[in-house]
């Protein structure tokens, strides 16, 4: 993008990047565009499938927004799907790690988001600025996403997924891995992580955020909760709030019983 220079720094020059020395084959330097002060914030990585469900998207947007509200930075890879949702929910408190040079825009579908990150957040890459995207570089990129973060959330993943490689790297480095609950045969990769005790379950987003120092939200000034208290009709609630009601059900704030919605 014109007007935004790609700069470089050696990881030994910033205390906030010395965490990358623990990754396999650590880079000596990184190229960047944007706000380096974001590296000073506590960081959690959110990664996942390029073909996410609406359920997963809403959970990511909810969680990444709440992490931003407690001044965390969300790290991801700016791919389609889960990565893009994580960046959008946390914006501008977000760091994107790219598997290509920063003078290349990839994927083109995310061009507007990438330019926003260049302008207001932080983009990192270990590749020279004009390096085009290649498949293996995204796997290399994953180790930096994980290495920067104190926890990794795999939001949704198939059995053959780069996100599972990220989970394996996190396990090897002693970085805790978390996943959302999914139905059988949906997100089989994250379900397998749970079954093999290689990930922890996020069954309540507010409690997860509280684990990292945030306050559990109260219902008192909540528009949706107040609406449900006076009107339990599912169709009318959905018409007003859309899929947000499923986030509230997931968080245990409400209960959906057929055509009725009740506050817990």
C-alpha atoms as a PDB file:
ATOM      1  CA  UNK A   1       0.000   0.000   0.000  1.00  0.00           C
ATOM      2  CA  UNK A   2       1.420   3.424  -0.958  1.00  0.00           C
ATOM      3  CA  UNK A   3       2.563   5.677   1.861  1.00  0.00           C
ATOM      4  CA  UNK A   4       3.227   2.860   4.337  1.00  0.00           C
ATOM      5  CA  UNK A   5       6.828   1.703   4.309  1.00  0.00           C
ATOM      6  CA  UNK A   6       7.926  -1.799   5.178  1.00  0.00           C
ATOM      7  CA  UNK A   7      10.548  -1.646   7.914  1.00  0.00           C
ATOM      8  CA  UNK A   8      12.709  -4.318   9.474  1.00  0.00           C
ATOM      9  CA  UNK A   9      13.933  -5.099  12.955  1.00  0.00           C
ATOM     10  CA  UNK A  10      16.060  -7.779  14.549  1.00  0.00           C
ATOM     11  CA  UNK A  11      14.218  -9.840  17.139  1.00  0.00           C
ATOM     12  CA  UNK A  12      17.118  -9.358  19.558  1.00  0.00           C
ATOM     13  CA  UNK A  13      16.483  -5.604  19.492  1.00  0.00           C
ATOM     14  CA  UNK A  14      13.090  -5.773  21.235  1.00  0.00           C
ATOM     15  CA  UNK A  15      12.385  -7.551  24.519  1.00  0.00           C
ATOM     16  CA  UNK A  16       8.818  -8.192  23.292  1.00  0.00           C
ATOM     17  CA  UNK A  17      10.183 -10.352  20.438  1.00  0.00           C
ATOM     18  CA  UNK A  18      12.637 -12.427  22.445  1.00  0.00           C
ATOM     19  CA  UNK A  19       9.812 -14.922  23.033  1.00  0.00           C
ATOM     20  CA  UNK A  20      10.378 -16.014  19.418  1.00  0.00           C
ATOM     21  CA  UNK A  21      13.764 -17.466  20.307  1.00  0.00           C
ATOM     22  CA  UNK A  22      11.941 -20.511  21.704  1.00  0.00           C
ATOM     23  CA  UNK A  23      10.336 -21.388  18.351  1.00  0.00           C
ATOM     24  CA  UNK A  24      11.873 -23.886  15.967  1.00  0.00           C
ATOM     25  CA  UNK A  25      14.286 -22.165  13.551  1.00  0.00           C
ATOM     26  CA  UNK A  26      13.559 -18.678  14.930  1.00  0.00           C
ATOM     27  CA  UNK A  27      13.852 -15.793  12.469  1.00  0.00           C
ATOM     28  CA  UNK A  28      16.709 -13.365  13.008  1.00  0.00           C
ATOM     29  CA  UNK A  29      14.638 -10.437  11.840  1.00  0.00           C
ATOM     30  CA  UNK A  30      11.093  -9.478  10.965  1.00  0.00           C
ATOM     31  CA  UNK A  31       9.629  -6.987   8.534  1.00  0.00           C
ATOM     32  CA  UNK A  32       6.723  -4.898   9.725  1.00  0.00           C
ATOM     33  CA  UNK A  33       4.147  -2.270   8.907  1.00  0.00           C
ATOM     34  CA  UNK A  34       2.131  -0.469  11.555  1.00  0.00           C
ATOM     35  CA  UNK A  35       2.220   0.063  15.287  1.00  0.00           C
ATOM     36  CA  UNK A  36       5.019  -1.734  17.141  1.00  0.00           C
ATOM     37  CA  UNK A  37       3.597  -0.659  20.508  1.00  0.00           C
ATOM     38  CA  UNK A  38       1.042  -3.487  20.133  1.00  0.00           C
ATOM     39  CA  UNK A  39       3.863  -5.914  20.896  1.00  0.00           C
ATOM     40  CA  UNK A  40       3.890  -4.591  24.474  1.00  0.00           C
ATOM     41  CA  UNK A  41       0.353  -5.847  25.098  1.00  0.00           C
ATOM     42  CA  UNK A  42      -0.510  -9.325  26.329  1.00  0.00           C
ATOM     43  CA  UNK A  43      -1.365 -11.498  23.342  1.00  0.00           C
ATOM     44  CA  UNK A  44      -3.647 -14.430  22.553  1.00  0.00           C
ATOM     45  CA  UNK A  45      -3.705 -16.159  19.161  1.00  0.00           C
ATOM     46  CA  UNK A  46      -6.945 -17.176  17.437  1.00  0.00           C
ATOM     47  CA  UNK A  47      -6.696 -19.395  14.351  1.00  0.00           C
ATOM     48  CA  UNK A  48      -8.921 -21.779  12.452  1.00  0.00           C
ATOM     49  CA  UNK A  49     -10.597 -22.915   9.285  1.00  0.00           C
ATOM     50  CA  UNK A  50     -10.991 -20.772   6.200  1.00  0.00           C
ATOM     51  CA  UNK A  51     -14.509 -22.235   5.876  1.00  0.00           C
ATOM     52  CA  UNK A  52     -16.000 -21.428   9.249  1.00  0.00           C
ATOM     53  CA  UNK A  53     -19.628 -21.742  10.275  1.00  0.00           C
ATOM     54  CA  UNK A  54     -21.743 -18.753  11.329  1.00  0.00           C
ATOM     55  CA  UNK A  55     -21.695 -20.238  14.838  1.00  0.00           C
ATOM     56  CA  UNK A  56     -17.888 -20.139  14.899  1.00  0.00           C
ATOM     57  CA  UNK A  57     -17.736 -16.656  13.385  1.00  0.00           C
ATOM     58  CA  UNK A  58     -20.024 -15.233  16.051  1.00  0.00           C
ATOM     59  CA  UNK A  59     -18.011 -16.855  18.841  1.00  0.00           C
ATOM     60  CA  UNK A  60     -14.758 -15.463  17.435  1.00  0.00           C
ATOM     61  CA  UNK A  61     -16.160 -11.944  17.065  1.00  0.00           C
ATOM     62  CA  UNK A  62     -17.553 -12.075  20.601  1.00  0.00           C
ATOM     63  CA  UNK A  63     -14.358 -13.391  22.180  1.00  0.00           C
ATOM     64  CA  UNK A  64     -11.905 -11.220  20.259  1.00  0.00           C
ATOM     65  CA  UNK A  65     -13.955  -8.115  21.037  1.00  0.00           C
ATOM     66  CA  UNK A  66     -13.937  -8.958  24.758  1.00  0.00           C
ATOM     67  CA  UNK A  67     -10.186  -9.557  24.674  1.00  0.00           C
ATOM     68  CA  UNK A  68      -9.744  -6.134  23.093  1.00  0.00           C
ATOM     69  CA  UNK A  69     -11.858  -4.631  25.878  1.00  0.00           C
ATOM     70  CA  UNK A  70      -9.383  -5.886  28.496  1.00  0.00           C
ATOM     71  CA  UNK A  71      -6.527  -4.465  26.374  1.00  0.00           C
ATOM     72  CA  UNK A  72      -5.287  -7.767  24.992  1.00  0.00           C
ATOM     73  CA  UNK A  73      -3.970  -8.045  21.454  1.00  0.00           C
ATOM     74  CA  UNK A  74      -5.280 -10.837  19.209  1.00  0.00           C
ATOM     75  CA  UNK A  75      -2.698 -12.485  16.936  1.00  0.00           C
ATOM     76  CA  UNK A  76      -3.645 -14.367  13.772  1.00  0.00           C
ATOM     77  CA  UNK A  77      -2.578 -15.017  10.177  1.00  0.00           C
ATOM     78  CA  UNK A  78      -5.018 -12.847   8.186  1.00  0.00           C
ATOM     79  CA  UNK A  79      -6.274 -15.818   6.155  1.00  0.00           C
ATOM     80  CA  UNK A  80      -9.890 -16.083   5.070  1.00  0.00           C
ATOM     81  CA  UNK A  81     -12.435 -17.279   7.607  1.00  0.00           C
ATOM     82  CA  UNK A  82     -11.477 -17.581  11.274  1.00  0.00           C
ATOM     83  CA  UNK A  83      -8.323 -15.458  11.019  1.00  0.00           C
ATOM     84  CA  UNK A  84     -10.130 -12.532   9.408  1.00  0.00           C
ATOM     85  CA  UNK A  85     -12.925 -12.678  11.992  1.00  0.00           C
ATOM     86  CA  UNK A  86     -10.372 -12.623  14.819  1.00  0.00           C
ATOM     87  CA  UNK A  87      -8.684  -9.512  13.406  1.00  0.00           C
ATOM     88  CA  UNK A  88     -12.000  -7.738  12.821  1.00  0.00           C
ATOM     89  CA  UNK A  89     -13.331  -8.446  16.306  1.00  0.00           C
ATOM     90  CA  UNK A  90     -10.178  -7.208  18.025  1.00  0.00           C
ATOM     91  CA  UNK A  91      -9.394  -4.292  15.692  1.00  0.00           C
ATOM     92  CA  UNK A  92      -7.275  -2.246  16.178  1.00  0.00           C
ATOM     93  CA  UNK A  93      -5.741  -4.420  18.938  1.00  0.00           C
ATOM     94  CA  UNK A  94      -4.523  -7.040  16.508  1.00  0.00           C
ATOM     95  CA  UNK A  95      -1.307  -8.376  14.986  1.00  0.00           C
ATOM     96  CA  UNK A  96      -1.324 -10.162  11.628  1.00  0.00           C
ATOM     97  CA  UNK A  97       1.571 -12.474  10.769  1.00  0.00           C
ATOM     98  CA  UNK A  98       1.899 -13.062   7.032  1.00  0.00           C
ATOM     99  CA  UNK A  99       3.296 -15.952   5.005  1.00  0.00           C
ATOM    100  CA  UNK A 100       4.376 -13.557   2.249  1.00  0.00           C
ATOM    101  CA  UNK A 101       6.218 -10.251   1.937  1.00  0.00           C
ATOM    102  CA  UNK A 102       4.305  -7.210   3.136  1.00  0.00           C
ATOM    103  CA  UNK A 103       4.458  -5.458  -0.235  1.00  0.00           C
ATOM    104  CA  UNK A 104       2.276  -8.293  -1.548  1.00  0.00           C
ATOM    105  CA  UNK A 105      -1.430  -8.322  -0.692  1.00  0.00           C
ATOM    106  CA  UNK A 106      -2.566 -11.875  -0.009  1.00  0.00           C
ATOM    107  CA  UNK A 107      -5.267 -13.040   0.016  1.00  0.00           C
ATOM    108  CA  UNK A 108      -6.705 -10.354  -2.268  1.00  0.00           C
ATOM    109  CA  UNK A 109     -10.157 -10.965  -0.781  1.00  0.00           C
ATOM    110  CA  UNK A 110      -8.844  -9.508   2.488  1.00  0.00           C
ATOM    111  CA  UNK A 111      -7.255  -6.444   0.850  1.00  0.00           C
ATOM    112  CA  UNK A 112      -9.397  -3.889   2.731  1.00  0.00           C
ATOM    113  CA  UNK A 113      -8.722  -5.600   6.065  1.00  0.00           C
ATOM    114  CA  UNK A 114      -4.993  -5.896   5.341  1.00  0.00           C
ATOM    115  CA  UNK A 115      -4.742  -2.187   4.548  1.00  0.00           C
ATOM    116  CA  UNK A 116      -6.588  -1.380   7.777  1.00  0.00           C
ATOM    117  CA  UNK A 117      -4.059  -3.476   9.691  1.00  0.00           C
ATOM    118  CA  UNK A 118      -1.165  -1.728   7.930  1.00  0.00           C
ATOM    119  CA  UNK A 119      -2.642   1.641   8.914  1.00  0.00           C
ATOM    120  CA  UNK A 120      -3.905   1.063  12.458  1.00  0.00           C
ATOM    121  CA  UNK A 121      -2.617  -2.273  13.791  1.00  0.00           C
ATOM    122  CA  UNK A 122       0.545  -4.293  13.150  1.00  0.00           C
ATOM    123  CA  UNK A 123       1.626  -6.589  10.319  1.00  0.00           C
ATOM    124  CA  UNK A 124       4.679  -8.864  10.627  1.00  0.00           C
ATOM    125  CA  UNK A 125       6.507 -11.138   8.215  1.00  0.00           C
ATOM    126  CA  UNK A 126       9.842 -12.929   8.168  1.00  0.00           C
ATOM    127  CA  UNK A 127       9.930 -12.686   4.366  1.00  0.00           C
ATOM    128  CA  UNK A 128      11.488  -9.990   2.203  1.00  0.00           C
ATOM    129  CA  UNK A 129       8.884  -7.366   1.214  1.00  0.00           C
ATOM    130  CA  UNK A 130       8.272  -8.564  -2.350  1.00  0.00           C
ATOM    131  CA  UNK A 131       8.154 -12.310  -1.575  1.00  0.00           C
ATOM    132  CA  UNK A 132       5.014 -13.908  -3.097  1.00  0.00           C
ATOM    133  CA  UNK A 133       2.822 -16.283  -1.088  1.00  0.00           C
ATOM    134  CA  UNK A 134       3.751 -19.978  -1.172  1.00  0.00           C
ATOM    135  CA  UNK A 135       2.015 -22.835   0.629  1.00  0.00           C
ATOM    136  CA  UNK A 136       4.858 -23.931   2.906  1.00  0.00           C
ATOM    137  CA  UNK A 137       5.406 -20.368   4.095  1.00  0.00           C
ATOM    138  CA  UNK A 138       2.020 -20.364   5.831  1.00  0.00           C
ATOM    139  CA  UNK A 139       3.110 -23.331   7.935  1.00  0.00           C
ATOM    140  CA  UNK A 140       6.321 -21.467   8.783  1.00  0.00           C
ATOM    141  CA  UNK A 141       4.245 -18.400   9.634  1.00  0.00           C
ATOM    142  CA  UNK A 142       2.249 -20.406  12.182  1.00  0.00           C
ATOM    143  CA  UNK A 143       5.208 -20.818  14.538  1.00  0.00           C
ATOM    144  CA  UNK A 144       5.470 -17.034  14.852  1.00  0.00           C
ATOM    145  CA  UNK A 145       1.731 -16.662  15.532  1.00  0.00           C
ATOM    146  CA  UNK A 146       2.019 -19.228  18.324  1.00  0.00           C
ATOM    147  CA  UNK A 147       5.358 -18.014  19.661  1.00  0.00           C
ATOM    148  CA  UNK A 148       4.103 -14.460  20.184  1.00  0.00           C
ATOM    149  CA  UNK A 149       1.127 -15.590  22.275  1.00  0.00           C
ATOM    150  CA  UNK A 150       0.489 -16.772  25.815  1.00  0.00           C
ATOM    151  CA  UNK A 151      -2.442 -18.930  24.688  1.00  0.00           C
ATOM    152  CA  UNK A 152      -3.759 -20.364  21.426  1.00  0.00           C
ATOM    153  CA  UNK A 153      -7.432 -20.720  20.501  1.00  0.00           C
ATOM    154  CA  UNK A 154      -8.232 -23.072  17.623  1.00  0.00           C
ATOM    155  CA  UNK A 155     -11.741 -21.935  16.776  1.00  0.00           C
ATOM    156  CA  UNK A 156     -12.610 -24.573  14.158  1.00  0.00           C
ATOM    157  CA  UNK A 157     -10.471 -27.074  12.276  1.00  0.00           C
ATOM    158  CA  UNK A 158     -10.675 -30.153  10.081  1.00  0.00           C
ATOM    159  CA  UNK A 159      -8.497 -33.189  10.744  1.00  0.00           C
ATOM    160  CA  UNK A 160      -6.012 -32.131   8.051  1.00  0.00           C
ATOM    161  CA  UNK A 161      -5.574 -28.518   8.976  1.00  0.00           C
ATOM    162  CA  UNK A 162      -2.707 -26.086   9.427  1.00  0.00           C
ATOM    163  CA  UNK A 163      -4.425 -25.028  12.625  1.00  0.00           C
ATOM    164  CA  UNK A 164      -3.706 -28.459  14.103  1.00  0.00           C
ATOM    165  CA  UNK A 165      -0.038 -27.889  13.323  1.00  0.00           C
ATOM    166  CA  UNK A 166      -0.309 -24.670  15.337  1.00  0.00           C
ATOM    167  CA  UNK A 167      -1.854 -26.638  18.205  1.00  0.00           C
ATOM    168  CA  UNK A 168       0.997 -29.159  18.055  1.00  0.00           C
ATOM    169  CA  UNK A 169       3.569 -26.343  18.176  1.00  0.00           C
ATOM    170  CA  UNK A 170       1.786 -24.797  21.152  1.00  0.00           C
ATOM    171  CA  UNK A 171       1.742 -28.157  22.977  1.00  0.00           C
ATOM    172  CA  UNK A 172       5.473 -28.538  22.355  1.00  0.00           C
ATOM    173  CA  UNK A 173       6.198 -25.035  23.682  1.00  0.00           C
ATOM    174  CA  UNK A 174       3.978 -25.398  26.734  1.00  0.00           C
ATOM    175  CA  UNK A 175       1.495 -22.794  25.493  1.00  0.00           C
ATOM    176  CA  UNK A 176      -2.089 -23.674  26.522  1.00  0.00           C
ATOM    177  CA  UNK A 177      -4.520 -24.537  23.722  1.00  0.00           C
ATOM    178  CA  UNK A 178      -8.254 -23.834  23.866  1.00  0.00           C
ATOM    179  CA  UNK A 179     -11.171 -24.810  21.617  1.00  0.00           C
ATOM    180  CA  UNK A 180     -14.883 -24.111  21.325  1.00  0.00           C
ATOM    181  CA  UNK A 181     -17.492 -26.868  21.682  1.00  0.00           C
ATOM    182  CA  UNK A 182     -18.700 -28.273  18.365  1.00  0.00           C
ATOM    183  CA  UNK A 183     -21.132 -30.960  17.283  1.00  0.00           C
ATOM    184  CA  UNK A 184     -19.955 -34.442  16.295  1.00  0.00           C
ATOM    185  CA  UNK A 185     -18.565 -34.466  12.731  1.00  0.00           C
ATOM    186  CA  UNK A 186     -18.278 -30.678  12.799  1.00  0.00           C
ATOM    187  CA  UNK A 187     -14.802 -29.267  13.420  1.00  0.00           C
ATOM    188  CA  UNK A 188     -13.435 -32.781  13.803  1.00  0.00           C
ATOM    189  CA  UNK A 189      -9.912 -31.451  14.345  1.00  0.00           C
ATOM    190  CA  UNK A 190     -10.768 -29.515  17.497  1.00  0.00           C
ATOM    191  CA  UNK A 191     -12.966 -32.339  18.756  1.00  0.00           C
ATOM    192  CA  UNK A 192      -9.977 -34.652  18.406  1.00  0.00           C
ATOM    193  CA  UNK A 193      -7.759 -32.232  20.348  1.00  0.00           C
ATOM    194  CA  UNK A 194     -10.283 -32.378  23.173  1.00  0.00           C
ATOM    195  CA  UNK A 195     -10.591 -36.164  23.021  1.00  0.00           C
ATOM    196  CA  UNK A 196      -6.796 -36.537  23.284  1.00  0.00           C
ATOM    197  CA  UNK A 197      -6.538 -33.990  26.139  1.00  0.00           C
ATOM    198  CA  UNK A 198      -4.444 -31.683  23.979  1.00  0.00           C
ATOM    199  CA  UNK A 199      -6.786 -28.713  24.391  1.00  0.00           C
ATOM    200  CA  UNK A 200      -9.037 -27.112  26.991  1.00  0.00           C
ATOM    201  CA  UNK A 201     -12.701 -26.314  26.375  1.00  0.00           C
ATOM    202  CA  UNK A 202     -14.035 -22.760  26.352  1.00  0.00           C
ATOM    203  CA  UNK A 203     -17.574 -23.310  27.633  1.00  0.00           C
ATOM    204  CA  UNK A 204     -18.099 -19.736  28.842  1.00  0.00           C
ATOM    205  CA  UNK A 205     -16.496 -16.764  27.090  1.00  0.00           C
ATOM    206  CA  UNK A 206     -16.794 -14.386  30.045  1.00  0.00           C
ATOM    207  CA  UNK A 207     -15.128 -16.894  32.367  1.00  0.00           C
ATOM    208  CA  UNK A 208     -12.364 -17.439  29.817  1.00  0.00           C
ATOM    209  CA  UNK A 209     -11.726 -13.695  29.619  1.00  0.00           C
ATOM    210  CA  UNK A 210     -11.808 -13.475  33.421  1.00  0.00           C
ATOM    211  CA  UNK A 211      -9.109 -16.164  33.545  1.00  0.00           C
ATOM    212  CA  UNK A 212      -6.802 -13.693  31.834  1.00  0.00           C
ATOM    213  CA  UNK A 213      -7.679 -10.750  34.037  1.00  0.00           C
ATOM    214  CA  UNK A 214     -10.949  -9.397  32.638  1.00  0.00           C
ATOM    215  CA  UNK A 215     -14.150  -8.845  34.577  1.00  0.00           C
ATOM    216  CA  UNK A 216     -17.119 -11.127  33.993  1.00  0.00           C
ATOM    217  CA  UNK A 217     -19.810  -9.022  32.357  1.00  0.00           C
ATOM    218  CA  UNK A 218     -22.962  -8.177  34.265  1.00  0.00           C
ATOM    219  CA  UNK A 219     -26.450  -8.395  32.788  1.00  0.00           C
ATOM    220  CA  UNK A 220     -27.862  -5.213  34.344  1.00  0.00           C
ATOM    221  CA  UNK A 221     -27.348  -2.848  31.391  1.00  0.00           C
ATOM    222  CA  UNK A 222     -27.613  -5.508  28.704  1.00  0.00           C
ATOM    223  CA  UNK A 223     -30.148  -4.566  26.023  1.00  0.00           C
ATOM    224  CA  UNK A 224     -30.764  -8.139  24.875  1.00  0.00           C
ATOM    225  CA  UNK A 225     -31.223  -9.454  28.424  1.00  0.00           C
ATOM    226  CA  UNK A 226     -33.613  -6.651  29.288  1.00  0.00           C
ATOM    227  CA  UNK A 227     -35.599  -7.285  26.098  1.00  0.00           C
ATOM    228  CA  UNK A 228     -35.903 -11.016  26.867  1.00  0.00           C
ATOM    229  CA  UNK A 229     -37.113 -10.233  30.380  1.00  0.00           C
ATOM    230  CA  UNK A 230     -40.100  -8.412  28.906  1.00  0.00           C
ATOM    231  CA  UNK A 231     -40.637 -10.518  25.775  1.00  0.00           C
ATOM    232  CA  UNK A 232     -39.845 -14.236  25.581  1.00  0.00           C
ATOM    233  CA  UNK A 233     -40.947 -14.763  21.950  1.00  0.00           C
ATOM    234  CA  UNK A 234     -38.035 -16.289  19.990  1.00  0.00           C
ATOM    235  CA  UNK A 235     -39.078 -14.884  16.592  1.00  0.00           C
ATOM    236  CA  UNK A 236     -39.318 -11.318  17.872  1.00  0.00           C
ATOM    237  CA  UNK A 237     -36.030 -11.573  19.759  1.00  0.00           C
ATOM    238  CA  UNK A 238     -34.269 -13.051  16.712  1.00  0.00           C
ATOM    239  CA  UNK A 239     -35.725 -10.348  14.448  1.00  0.00           C
ATOM    240  CA  UNK A 240     -34.178  -7.689  16.687  1.00  0.00           C
ATOM    241  CA  UNK A 241     -30.832  -9.269  17.653  1.00  0.00           C
ATOM    242  CA  UNK A 242     -30.155 -11.975  15.048  1.00  0.00           C
ATOM    243  CA  UNK A 243     -27.507 -14.631  15.742  1.00  0.00           C
ATOM    244  CA  UNK A 244     -26.349 -12.749  18.838  1.00  0.00           C
ATOM    245  CA  UNK A 245     -28.928 -14.742  20.802  1.00  0.00           C
ATOM    246  CA  UNK A 246     -26.928 -17.915  20.131  1.00  0.00           C
ATOM    247  CA  UNK A 247     -23.825 -16.271  21.607  1.00  0.00           C
ATOM    248  CA  UNK A 248     -25.852 -15.529  24.740  1.00  0.00           C
ATOM    249  CA  UNK A 249     -27.110 -19.103  24.859  1.00  0.00           C
ATOM    250  CA  UNK A 250     -23.527 -20.345  24.519  1.00  0.00           C
ATOM    251  CA  UNK A 251     -22.421 -18.033  27.351  1.00  0.00           C
ATOM    252  CA  UNK A 252     -25.202 -19.424  29.554  1.00  0.00           C
ATOM    253  CA  UNK A 253     -27.004 -16.079  29.837  1.00  0.00           C
ATOM    254  CA  UNK A 254     -30.243 -17.280  28.243  1.00  0.00           C
ATOM    255  CA  UNK A 255     -31.993 -20.558  27.493  1.00  0.00           C
ATOM    256  CA  UNK A 256     -33.837 -21.235  24.222  1.00  0.00           C
ATOM    257  CA  UNK A 257     -36.809 -23.557  24.708  1.00  0.00           C
ATOM    258  CA  UNK A 258     -38.611 -23.998  21.408  1.00  0.00           C
ATOM    259  CA  UNK A 259     -40.409 -20.723  20.680  1.00  0.00           C
ATOM    260  CA  UNK A 260     -39.501 -19.189  24.042  1.00  0.00           C
ATOM    261  CA  UNK A 261     -36.313 -17.592  25.345  1.00  0.00           C
ATOM    262  CA  UNK A 262     -35.659 -17.325  29.071  1.00  0.00           C
ATOM    263  CA  UNK A 263     -33.039 -15.455  31.082  1.00  0.00           C
ATOM    264  CA  UNK A 264     -30.993 -17.790  33.276  1.00  0.00           C
END
